[in-house]
Amino acid sequence: LERKESARWAAATVDPLEVFNVAKGRYDLRDNQELKAISP
């Protein structure tokens, strides 16, 4: 997470997955919305 980006988050409406995608975060989300394991 970057400080400049975090300053723009609106707490009531921000979508965490959008933040993850912008930050190129690592996660494995399946069609049933389950977060599968990733490497540490």
ModelCIF file with pLDDT and N, C-alpha, C, O atoms, coordinates in Angstrom:
data_MODEL
#
_entry.id   MODEL 
#
_entity.id                         1 
_entity.type                       polymer 
_entity.pdbx_number_of_molecules   1 
#
_entity_poly.entity_id                      1 
_entity_poly.type                           'polypeptide(L)' 
_entity_poly.nstd_linkage                   no 
_entity_poly.nstd_monomer                   no 
_entity_poly.pdbx_seq_one_letter_code       LERKESARWAAATVDPLEVFNVAKGRYDLRDNQELKAISP 
_entity_poly.pdbx_seq_one_letter_code_can   LERKESARWAAATVDPLEVFNVAKGRYDLRDNQELKAISP 
_entity_poly.pdbx_strand_id                 A 
#
loop_
_entity_poly_seq.entity_id 
_entity_poly_seq.num 
_entity_poly_seq.mon_id 
_entity_poly_seq.hetero 
1 1  LEU n 
1 2  GLU n 
1 3  ARG n 
1 4  LYS n 
1 5  GLU n 
1 6  SER n 
1 7  ALA n 
1 8  ARG n 
1 9  TRP n 
1 10 ALA n 
1 11 ALA n 
1 12 ALA n 
1 13 THR n 
1 14 VAL n 
1 15 ASP n 
1 16 PRO n 
1 17 LEU n 
1 18 GLU n 
1 19 VAL n 
1 20 PHE n 
1 21 ASN n 
1 22 VAL n 
1 23 ALA n 
1 24 LYS n 
1 25 GLY n 
1 26 ARG n 
1 27 TYR n 
1 28 ASP n 
1 29 LEU n 
1 30 ARG n 
1 31 ASP n 
1 32 ASN n 
1 33 GLN n 
1 34 GLU n 
1 35 LEU n 
1 36 LYS n 
1 37 ALA n 
1 38 ILE n 
1 39 SER n 
1 40 PRO n 
#
_struct_asym.id          A 
_struct_asym.entity_id   1 
#
loop_
_ma_qa_metric.id 
_ma_qa_metric.mode 
_ma_qa_metric.name 
_ma_qa_metric.software_group_id 
_ma_qa_metric.type 
1 global pLDDT . pLDDT 
2 local  pLDDT . pLDDT 
#
_ma_qa_metric_global.metric_id      1 
_ma_qa_metric_global.metric_value   95.83 
_ma_qa_metric_global.model_id       1 
_ma_qa_metric_global.ordinal_id     1 
#
loop_
_ma_qa_metric_local.label_asym_id 
_ma_qa_metric_local.label_comp_id 
_ma_qa_metric_local.label_seq_id 
_ma_qa_metric_local.metric_id 
_ma_qa_metric_local.metric_value 
_ma_qa_metric_local.model_id 
_ma_qa_metric_local.ordinal_id 
A LEU 1  2 98.00 1 1  
A GLU 2  2 97.00 1 2  
A ARG 3  2 97.00 1 3  
A LYS 4  2 96.00 1 4  
A GLU 5  2 96.00 1 5  
A SER 6  2 96.00 1 6  
A ALA 7  2 95.00 1 7  
A ARG 8  2 95.00 1 8  
A TRP 9  2 96.00 1 9  
A ALA 10 2 96.00 1 10 
A ALA 11 2 95.00 1 11 
A ALA 12 2 95.00 1 12 
A THR 13 2 96.00 1 13 
A VAL 14 2 97.00 1 14 
A ASP 15 2 97.00 1 15 
A PRO 16 2 97.00 1 16 
A LEU 17 2 96.00 1 17 
A GLU 18 2 97.00 1 18 
A VAL 19 2 97.00 1 19 
A PHE 20 2 97.00 1 20 
A ASN 21 2 96.00 1 21 
A VAL 22 2 96.00 1 22 
A ALA 23 2 95.00 1 23 
A LYS 24 2 95.00 1 24 
A GLY 25 2 96.00 1 25 
A ARG 26 2 96.00 1 26 
A TYR 27 2 97.00 1 27 
A ASP 28 2 96.00 1 28 
A LEU 29 2 96.00 1 29 
A ARG 30 2 95.00 1 30 
A ASP 31 2 95.00 1 31 
A ASN 32 2 95.00 1 32 
A GLN 33 2 95.00 1 33 
A GLU 34 2 95.00 1 34 
A LEU 35 2 95.00 1 35 
A LYS 36 2 95.00 1 36 
A ALA 37 2 94.00 1 37 
A ILE 38 2 96.00 1 38 
A SER 39 2 95.00 1 39 
A PRO 40 2 94.00 1 40 
#
loop_
_atom_site.group_PDB 
_atom_site.id 
_atom_site.type_symbol 
_atom_site.label_atom_id 
_atom_site.label_alt_id 
_atom_site.label_comp_id 
_atom_site.label_asym_id 
_atom_site.label_entity_id 
_atom_site.label_seq_id 
_atom_site.pdbx_PDB_ins_code 
_atom_site.Cartn_x 
_atom_site.Cartn_y 
_atom_site.Cartn_z 
_atom_site.occupancy 
_atom_site.B_iso_or_equiv 
_atom_site.pdbx_formal_charge 
_atom_site.auth_seq_id 
_atom_site.auth_comp_id 
_atom_site.auth_asym_id 
_atom_site.auth_atom_id 
_atom_site.pdbx_PDB_model_num 
ATOM 1   N N  . LEU A 1 1  ? 0.836   -1.196  0.000  1.00 98.00 ? 1  LEU A N  1 
ATOM 2   C CA . LEU A 1 1  ? 0.000   0.000   0.000  1.00 98.00 ? 1  LEU A CA 1 
ATOM 3   C C  . LEU A 1 1  ? 0.872   1.247   0.000  1.00 98.00 ? 1  LEU A C  1 
ATOM 4   O O  . LEU A 1 1  ? 1.892   1.306   0.687  1.00 98.00 ? 1  LEU A O  1 
ATOM 5   N N  . GLU A 1 2  ? 0.459   2.245   -0.779 1.00 97.00 ? 2  GLU A N  1 
ATOM 6   C CA . GLU A 1 2  ? 1.214   3.483   -0.906 1.00 97.00 ? 2  GLU A CA 1 
ATOM 7   C C  . GLU A 1 2  ? 0.499   4.616   -0.165 1.00 97.00 ? 2  GLU A C  1 
ATOM 8   O O  . GLU A 1 2  ? -0.727  4.721   -0.201 1.00 97.00 ? 2  GLU A O  1 
ATOM 9   N N  . ARG A 1 3  ? 1.286   5.456   0.505  1.00 97.00 ? 3  ARG A N  1 
ATOM 10  C CA . ARG A 1 3  ? 0.705   6.556   1.283  1.00 97.00 ? 3  ARG A CA 1 
ATOM 11  C C  . ARG A 1 3  ? -0.162  7.457   0.408  1.00 97.00 ? 3  ARG A C  1 
ATOM 12  O O  . ARG A 1 3  ? -1.278  7.797   0.800  1.00 97.00 ? 3  ARG A O  1 
ATOM 13  N N  . LYS A 1 4  ? 0.323   7.846   -0.761 1.00 96.00 ? 4  LYS A N  1 
ATOM 14  C CA . LYS A 1 4  ? -0.433  8.771   -1.609 1.00 96.00 ? 4  LYS A CA 1 
ATOM 15  C C  . LYS A 1 4  ? -1.779  8.178   -1.998 1.00 96.00 ? 4  LYS A C  1 
ATOM 16  O O  . LYS A 1 4  ? -2.793  8.876   -2.011 1.00 96.00 ? 4  LYS A O  1 
ATOM 17  N N  . GLU A 1 5  ? -1.784  6.877   -2.316 1.00 96.00 ? 5  GLU A N  1 
ATOM 18  C CA . GLU A 1 5  ? -3.037  6.230   -2.678 1.00 96.00 ? 5  GLU A CA 1 
ATOM 19  C C  . GLU A 1 5  ? -3.977  6.146   -1.477 1.00 96.00 ? 5  GLU A C  1 
ATOM 20  O O  . GLU A 1 5  ? -5.183  6.358   -1.605 1.00 96.00 ? 5  GLU A O  1 
ATOM 21  N N  . SER A 1 6  ? -3.416  5.837   -0.318 1.00 96.00 ? 6  SER A N  1 
ATOM 22  C CA . SER A 1 6  ? -4.262  5.669   0.869  1.00 96.00 ? 6  SER A CA 1 
ATOM 23  C C  . SER A 1 6  ? -4.950  6.967   1.251  1.00 96.00 ? 6  SER A C  1 
ATOM 24  O O  . SER A 1 6  ? -6.037  6.948   1.827  1.00 96.00 ? 6  SER A O  1 
ATOM 25  N N  . ALA A 1 7  ? -4.327  8.098   0.935  1.00 95.00 ? 7  ALA A N  1 
ATOM 26  C CA . ALA A 1 7  ? -4.942  9.390   1.256  1.00 95.00 ? 7  ALA A CA 1 
ATOM 27  C C  . ALA A 1 7  ? -6.215  9.613   0.455  1.00 95.00 ? 7  ALA A C  1 
ATOM 28  O O  . ALA A 1 7  ? -7.055  10.425  0.842  1.00 95.00 ? 7  ALA A O  1 
ATOM 29  N N  . ARG A 1 8  ? -6.370  8.896   -0.666 1.00 95.00 ? 8  ARG A N  1 
ATOM 30  C CA . ARG A 1 8  ? -7.548  9.087   -1.520 1.00 95.00 ? 8  ARG A CA 1 
ATOM 31  C C  . ARG A 1 8  ? -8.686  8.118   -1.197 1.00 95.00 ? 8  ARG A C  1 
ATOM 32  O O  . ARG A 1 8  ? -9.763  8.223   -1.784 1.00 95.00 ? 8  ARG A O  1 
ATOM 33  N N  . TRP A 1 9  ? -8.472  7.197   -0.293 1.00 96.00 ? 9  TRP A N  1 
ATOM 34  C CA . TRP A 1 9  ? -9.539  6.248   0.033  1.00 96.00 ? 9  TRP A CA 1 
ATOM 35  C C  . TRP A 1 9  ? -10.683 6.959   0.756  1.00 96.00 ? 9  TRP A C  1 
ATOM 36  O O  . TRP A 1 9  ? -10.462 7.684   1.726  1.00 96.00 ? 9  TRP A O  1 
ATOM 37  N N  . ALA A 1 10 ? -11.892 6.745   0.277  1.00 96.00 ? 10 ALA A N  1 
ATOM 38  C CA . ALA A 1 10 ? -13.091 7.198   0.998  1.00 96.00 ? 10 ALA A CA 1 
ATOM 39  C C  . ALA A 1 10 ? -13.577 6.011   1.816  1.00 96.00 ? 10 ALA A C  1 
ATOM 40  O O  . ALA A 1 10 ? -14.021 5.005   1.262  1.00 96.00 ? 10 ALA A O  1 
ATOM 41  N N  . ALA A 1 11 ? -13.491 6.131   3.125  1.00 95.00 ? 11 ALA A N  1 
ATOM 42  C CA . ALA A 1 11 ? -13.734 4.982   3.999  1.00 95.00 ? 11 ALA A CA 1 
ATOM 43  C C  . ALA A 1 11 ? -15.092 4.336   3.745  1.00 95.00 ? 11 ALA A C  1 
ATOM 44  O O  . ALA A 1 11 ? -15.214 3.113   3.824  1.00 95.00 ? 11 ALA A O  1 
ATOM 45  N N  . ALA A 1 12 ? -16.111 5.131   3.444  1.00 95.00 ? 12 ALA A N  1 
ATOM 46  C CA . ALA A 1 12 ? -17.461 4.591   3.309  1.00 95.00 ? 12 ALA A CA 1 
ATOM 47  C C  . ALA A 1 12 ? -17.667 3.821   2.009  1.00 95.00 ? 12 ALA A C  1 
ATOM 48  O O  . ALA A 1 12 ? -18.573 2.991   1.924  1.00 95.00 ? 12 ALA A O  1 
ATOM 49  N N  . THR A 1 13 ? -16.837 4.083   0.989  1.00 96.00 ? 13 THR A N  1 
ATOM 50  C CA . THR A 1 13 ? -17.104 3.494   -0.328 1.00 96.00 ? 13 THR A CA 1 
ATOM 51  C C  . THR A 1 13 ? -15.932 2.736   -0.932 1.00 96.00 ? 13 THR A C  1 
ATOM 52  O O  . THR A 1 13 ? -16.122 2.047   -1.935 1.00 96.00 ? 13 THR A O  1 
ATOM 53  N N  . VAL A 1 14 ? -14.739 2.826   -0.378 1.00 97.00 ? 14 VAL A N  1 
ATOM 54  C CA . VAL A 1 14 ? -13.581 2.211   -1.010 1.00 97.00 ? 14 VAL A CA 1 
ATOM 55  C C  . VAL A 1 14 ? -13.767 0.701   -1.122 1.00 97.00 ? 14 VAL A C  1 
ATOM 56  O O  . VAL A 1 14 ? -14.269 0.057   -0.201 1.00 97.00 ? 14 VAL A O  1 
ATOM 57  N N  . ASP A 1 15 ? -13.356 0.145   -2.263 1.00 97.00 ? 15 ASP A N  1 
ATOM 58  C CA . ASP A 1 15 ? -13.430 -1.293  -2.522 1.00 97.00 ? 15 ASP A CA 1 
ATOM 59  C C  . ASP A 1 15 ? -12.035 -1.886  -2.323 1.00 97.00 ? 15 ASP A C  1 
ATOM 60  O O  . ASP A 1 15 ? -11.126 -1.573  -3.092 1.00 97.00 ? 15 ASP A O  1 
ATOM 61  N N  . PRO A 1 16 ? -11.848 -2.720  -1.325 1.00 97.00 ? 16 PRO A N  1 
ATOM 62  C CA . PRO A 1 16 ? -10.501 -3.252  -1.055 1.00 97.00 ? 16 PRO A CA 1 
ATOM 63  C C  . PRO A 1 16 ? -9.889  -3.981  -2.239 1.00 97.00 ? 16 PRO A C  1 
ATOM 64  O O  . PRO A 1 16 ? -8.688  -3.858  -2.480 1.00 97.00 ? 16 PRO A O  1 
ATOM 65  N N  . LEU A 1 17 ? -10.695 -4.746  -2.989 1.00 96.00 ? 17 LEU A N  1 
ATOM 66  C CA . LEU A 1 17 ? -10.118 -5.481  -4.117 1.00 96.00 ? 17 LEU A CA 1 
ATOM 67  C C  . LEU A 1 17 ? -9.646  -4.542  -5.220 1.00 96.00 ? 17 LEU A C  1 
ATOM 68  O O  . LEU A 1 17 ? -8.661  -4.832  -5.898 1.00 96.00 ? 17 LEU A O  1 
ATOM 69  N N  . GLU A 1 18 ? -10.334 -3.424  -5.405 1.00 97.00 ? 18 GLU A N  1 
ATOM 70  C CA . GLU A 1 18 ? -9.850  -2.438  -6.376 1.00 97.00 ? 18 GLU A CA 1 
ATOM 71  C C  . GLU A 1 18 ? -8.501  -1.882  -5.946 1.00 97.00 ? 18 GLU A C  1 
ATOM 72  O O  . GLU A 1 18 ? -7.608  -1.688  -6.770 1.00 97.00 ? 18 GLU A O  1 
ATOM 73  N N  . VAL A 1 19 ? -8.358  -1.625  -4.643 1.00 97.00 ? 19 VAL A N  1 
ATOM 74  C CA . VAL A 1 19 ? -7.076  -1.162  -4.113 1.00 97.00 ? 19 VAL A CA 1 
ATOM 75  C C  . VAL A 1 19 ? -6.006  -2.232  -4.353 1.00 97.00 ? 19 VAL A C  1 
ATOM 76  O O  . VAL A 1 19 ? -4.895  -1.912  -4.775 1.00 97.00 ? 19 VAL A O  1 
ATOM 77  N N  . PHE A 1 20 ? -6.335  -3.492  -4.089 1.00 97.00 ? 20 PHE A N  1 
ATOM 78  C CA . PHE A 1 20 ? -5.382  -4.576  -4.305 1.00 97.00 ? 20 PHE A CA 1 
ATOM 79  C C  . PHE A 1 20 ? -4.963  -4.640  -5.767 1.00 97.00 ? 20 PHE A C  1 
ATOM 80  O O  . PHE A 1 20 ? -3.785  -4.822  -6.075 1.00 97.00 ? 20 PHE A O  1 
ATOM 81  N N  . ASN A 1 21 ? -5.928  -4.491  -6.663 1.00 96.00 ? 21 ASN A N  1 
ATOM 82  C CA . ASN A 1 21 ? -5.615  -4.605  -8.095 1.00 96.00 ? 21 ASN A CA 1 
ATOM 83  C C  . ASN A 1 21 ? -4.738  -3.449  -8.560 1.00 96.00 ? 21 ASN A C  1 
ATOM 84  O O  . ASN A 1 21 ? -3.801  -3.650  -9.332 1.00 96.00 ? 21 ASN A O  1 
ATOM 85  N N  . VAL A 1 22 ? -5.043  -2.229  -8.087 1.00 96.00 ? 22 VAL A N  1 
ATOM 86  C CA . VAL A 1 22 ? -4.214  -1.078  -8.458 1.00 96.00 ? 22 VAL A CA 1 
ATOM 87  C C  . VAL A 1 22 ? -2.794  -1.267  -7.941 1.00 96.00 ? 22 VAL A C  1 
ATOM 88  O O  . VAL A 1 22 ? -1.830  -0.898  -8.612 1.00 96.00 ? 22 VAL A O  1 
ATOM 89  N N  . ALA A 1 23 ? -2.665  -1.846  -6.741 1.00 95.00 ? 23 ALA A N  1 
ATOM 90  C CA . ALA A 1 23 ? -1.346  -2.043  -6.133 1.00 95.00 ? 23 ALA A CA 1 
ATOM 91  C C  . ALA A 1 23 ? -0.668  -3.331  -6.609 1.00 95.00 ? 23 ALA A C  1 
ATOM 92  O O  . ALA A 1 23 ? 0.417   -3.682  -6.146 1.00 95.00 ? 23 ALA A O  1 
ATOM 93  N N  . LYS A 1 24 ? -1.329  -4.027  -7.542 1.00 95.00 ? 24 LYS A N  1 
ATOM 94  C CA . LYS A 1 24 ? -0.793  -5.305  -8.049 1.00 95.00 ? 24 LYS A CA 1 
ATOM 95  C C  . LYS A 1 24 ? -0.541  -6.295  -6.898 1.00 95.00 ? 24 LYS A C  1 
ATOM 96  O O  . LYS A 1 24 ? 0.499   -6.949  -6.823 1.00 95.00 ? 24 LYS A O  1 
ATOM 97  N N  . GLY A 1 25 ? -1.540  -6.371  -6.010 1.00 96.00 ? 25 GLY A N  1 
ATOM 98  C CA . GLY A 1 25 ? -1.441  -7.302  -4.896 1.00 96.00 ? 25 GLY A CA 1 
ATOM 99  C C  . GLY A 1 25 ? -1.580  -8.748  -5.354 1.00 96.00 ? 25 GLY A C  1 
ATOM 100 O O  . GLY A 1 25 ? -2.108  -9.025  -6.431 1.00 96.00 ? 25 GLY A O  1 
ATOM 101 N N  . ARG A 1 26 ? -1.102  -9.658  -4.526 1.00 96.00 ? 26 ARG A N  1 
ATOM 102 C CA . ARG A 1 26 ? -1.192  -11.099 -4.831 1.00 96.00 ? 26 ARG A CA 1 
ATOM 103 C C  . ARG A 1 26 ? -2.347  -11.719 -4.044 1.00 96.00 ? 26 ARG A C  1 
ATOM 104 O O  . ARG A 1 26 ? -2.416  -11.593 -2.822 1.00 96.00 ? 26 ARG A O  1 
ATOM 105 N N  . TYR A 1 27 ? -3.242  -12.381 -4.752 1.00 97.00 ? 27 TYR A N  1 
ATOM 106 C CA . TYR A 1 27 ? -4.291  -13.174 -4.126 1.00 97.00 ? 27 TYR A CA 1 
ATOM 107 C C  . TYR A 1 27 ? -4.872  -14.109 -5.180 1.00 97.00 ? 27 TYR A C  1 
ATOM 108 O O  . TYR A 1 27 ? -4.753  -13.864 -6.380 1.00 97.00 ? 27 TYR A O  1 
ATOM 109 N N  . ASP A 1 28 ? -5.491  -15.167 -4.718 1.00 96.00 ? 28 ASP A N  1 
ATOM 110 C CA . ASP A 1 28 ? -6.075  -16.164 -5.609 1.00 96.00 ? 28 ASP A CA 1 
ATOM 111 C C  . ASP A 1 28 ? -7.549  -16.298 -5.262 1.00 96.00 ? 28 ASP A C  1 
ATOM 112 O O  . ASP A 1 28 ? -7.914  -17.026 -4.339 1.00 96.00 ? 28 ASP A O  1 
ATOM 113 N N  . LEU A 1 29 ? -8.393  -15.591 -6.005 1.00 96.00 ? 29 LEU A N  1 
ATOM 114 C CA . LEU A 1 29 ? -9.818  -15.560 -5.722 1.00 96.00 ? 29 LEU A CA 1 
ATOM 115 C C  . LEU A 1 29 ? -10.559 -16.439 -6.730 1.00 96.00 ? 29 LEU A C  1 
ATOM 116 O O  . LEU A 1 29 ? -10.464 -16.227 -7.939 1.00 96.00 ? 29 LEU A O  1 
ATOM 117 N N  . ARG A 1 30 ? -11.297 -17.428 -6.218 1.00 95.00 ? 30 ARG A N  1 
ATOM 118 C CA . ARG A 1 30 ? -12.026 -18.346 -7.080 1.00 95.00 ? 30 ARG A CA 1 
ATOM 119 C C  . ARG A 1 30 ? -13.437 -17.827 -7.365 1.00 95.00 ? 30 ARG A C  1 
ATOM 120 O O  . ARG A 1 30 ? -13.887 -16.850 -6.765 1.00 95.00 ? 30 ARG A O  1 
ATOM 121 N N  . ASP A 1 31 ? -14.129 -18.504 -8.296 1.00 95.00 ? 31 ASP A N  1 
ATOM 122 C CA . ASP A 1 31 ? -15.465 -18.071 -8.702 1.00 95.00 ? 31 ASP A CA 1 
ATOM 123 C C  . ASP A 1 31 ? -16.454 -18.058 -7.541 1.00 95.00 ? 31 ASP A C  1 
ATOM 124 O O  . ASP A 1 31 ? -17.405 -17.277 -7.543 1.00 95.00 ? 31 ASP A O  1 
ATOM 125 N N  . ASN A 1 32 ? -16.236 -18.914 -6.559 1.00 95.00 ? 32 ASN A N  1 
ATOM 126 C CA . ASN A 1 32 ? -17.144 -18.946 -5.398 1.00 95.00 ? 32 ASN A CA 1 
ATOM 127 C C  . ASN A 1 32 ? -16.726 -17.963 -4.316 1.00 95.00 ? 32 ASN A C  1 
ATOM 128 O O  . ASN A 1 32 ? -17.172 -18.065 -3.173 1.00 95.00 ? 32 ASN A O  1 
ATOM 129 N N  . GLN A 1 33 ? -15.861 -17.002 -4.676 1.00 95.00 ? 33 GLN A N  1 
ATOM 130 C CA . GLN A 1 33 ? -15.397 -15.937 -3.779 1.00 95.00 ? 33 GLN A CA 1 
ATOM 131 C C  . GLN A 1 33 ? -14.489 -16.441 -2.649 1.00 95.00 ? 33 GLN A C  1 
ATOM 132 O O  . GLN A 1 33 ? -14.301 -15.748 -1.650 1.00 95.00 ? 33 GLN A O  1 
ATOM 133 N N  . GLU A 1 34 ? -13.933 -17.635 -2.806 1.00 95.00 ? 34 GLU A N  1 
ATOM 134 C CA . GLU A 1 34 ? -13.021 -18.157 -1.791 1.00 95.00 ? 34 GLU A CA 1 
ATOM 135 C C  . GLU A 1 34 ? -11.595 -17.717 -2.087 1.00 95.00 ? 34 GLU A C  1 
ATOM 136 O O  . GLU A 1 34 ? -11.130 -17.792 -3.224 1.00 95.00 ? 34 GLU A O  1 
ATOM 137 N N  . LEU A 1 35 ? -10.918 -17.261 -1.059 1.00 95.00 ? 35 LEU A N  1 
ATOM 138 C CA . LEU A 1 35 ? -9.501  -16.920 -1.169 1.00 95.00 ? 35 LEU A CA 1 
ATOM 139 C C  . LEU A 1 35 ? -8.686  -18.198 -0.958 1.00 95.00 ? 35 LEU A C  1 
ATOM 140 O O  . LEU A 1 35 ? -8.682  -18.770 0.133  1.00 95.00 ? 35 LEU A O  1 
ATOM 141 N N  . LYS A 1 36 ? -8.010  -18.629 -1.992 1.00 95.00 ? 36 LYS A N  1 
ATOM 142 C CA . LYS A 1 36 ? -7.175  -19.819 -1.888 1.00 95.00 ? 36 LYS A CA 1 
ATOM 143 C C  . LYS A 1 36 ? -5.779  -19.425 -1.402 1.00 95.00 ? 36 LYS A C  1 
ATOM 144 O O  . LYS A 1 36 ? -5.407  -18.252 -1.414 1.00 95.00 ? 36 LYS A O  1 
ATOM 145 N N  . ALA A 1 37 ? -5.028  -20.423 -0.980 1.00 94.00 ? 37 ALA A N  1 
ATOM 146 C CA . ALA A 1 37 ? -3.696  -20.173 -0.418 1.00 94.00 ? 37 ALA A CA 1 
ATOM 147 C C  . ALA A 1 37 ? -2.730  -19.698 -1.489 1.00 94.00 ? 37 ALA A C  1 
ATOM 148 O O  . ALA A 1 37 ? -2.792  -20.135 -2.638 1.00 94.00 ? 37 ALA A O  1 
ATOM 149 N N  . ILE A 1 38 ? -1.818  -18.780 -1.092 1.00 96.00 ? 38 ILE A N  1 
ATOM 150 C CA . ILE A 1 38 ? -0.725  -18.336 -1.951 1.00 96.00 ? 38 ILE A CA 1 
ATOM 151 C C  . ILE A 1 38 ? 0.579   -18.605 -1.208 1.00 96.00 ? 38 ILE A C  1 
ATOM 152 O O  . ILE A 1 38 ? 0.573   -18.901 -0.013 1.00 96.00 ? 38 ILE A O  1 
ATOM 153 N N  . SER A 1 39 ? 1.672   -18.503 -1.911 1.00 95.00 ? 39 SER A N  1 
ATOM 154 C CA . SER A 1 39 ? 2.976   -18.715 -1.275 1.00 95.00 ? 39 SER A CA 1 
ATOM 155 C C  . SER A 1 39 ? 3.288   -17.547 -0.343 1.00 95.00 ? 39 SER A C  1 
ATOM 156 O O  . SER A 1 39 ? 2.930   -16.409 -0.647 1.00 95.00 ? 39 SER A O  1 
ATOM 157 N N  . PRO A 1 40 ? 3.950   -17.807 0.791  1.00 94.00 ? 40 PRO A N  1 
ATOM 158 C CA . PRO A 1 40 ? 4.291   -16.720 1.716  1.00 94.00 ? 40 PRO A CA 1 
ATOM 159 C C  . PRO A 1 40 ? 5.232   -15.710 1.066  1.00 94.00 ? 40 PRO A C  1 
ATOM 160 O O  . PRO A 1 40 ? 5.621   -14.731 1.702  1.00 94.00 ? 40 PRO A O  1 
#
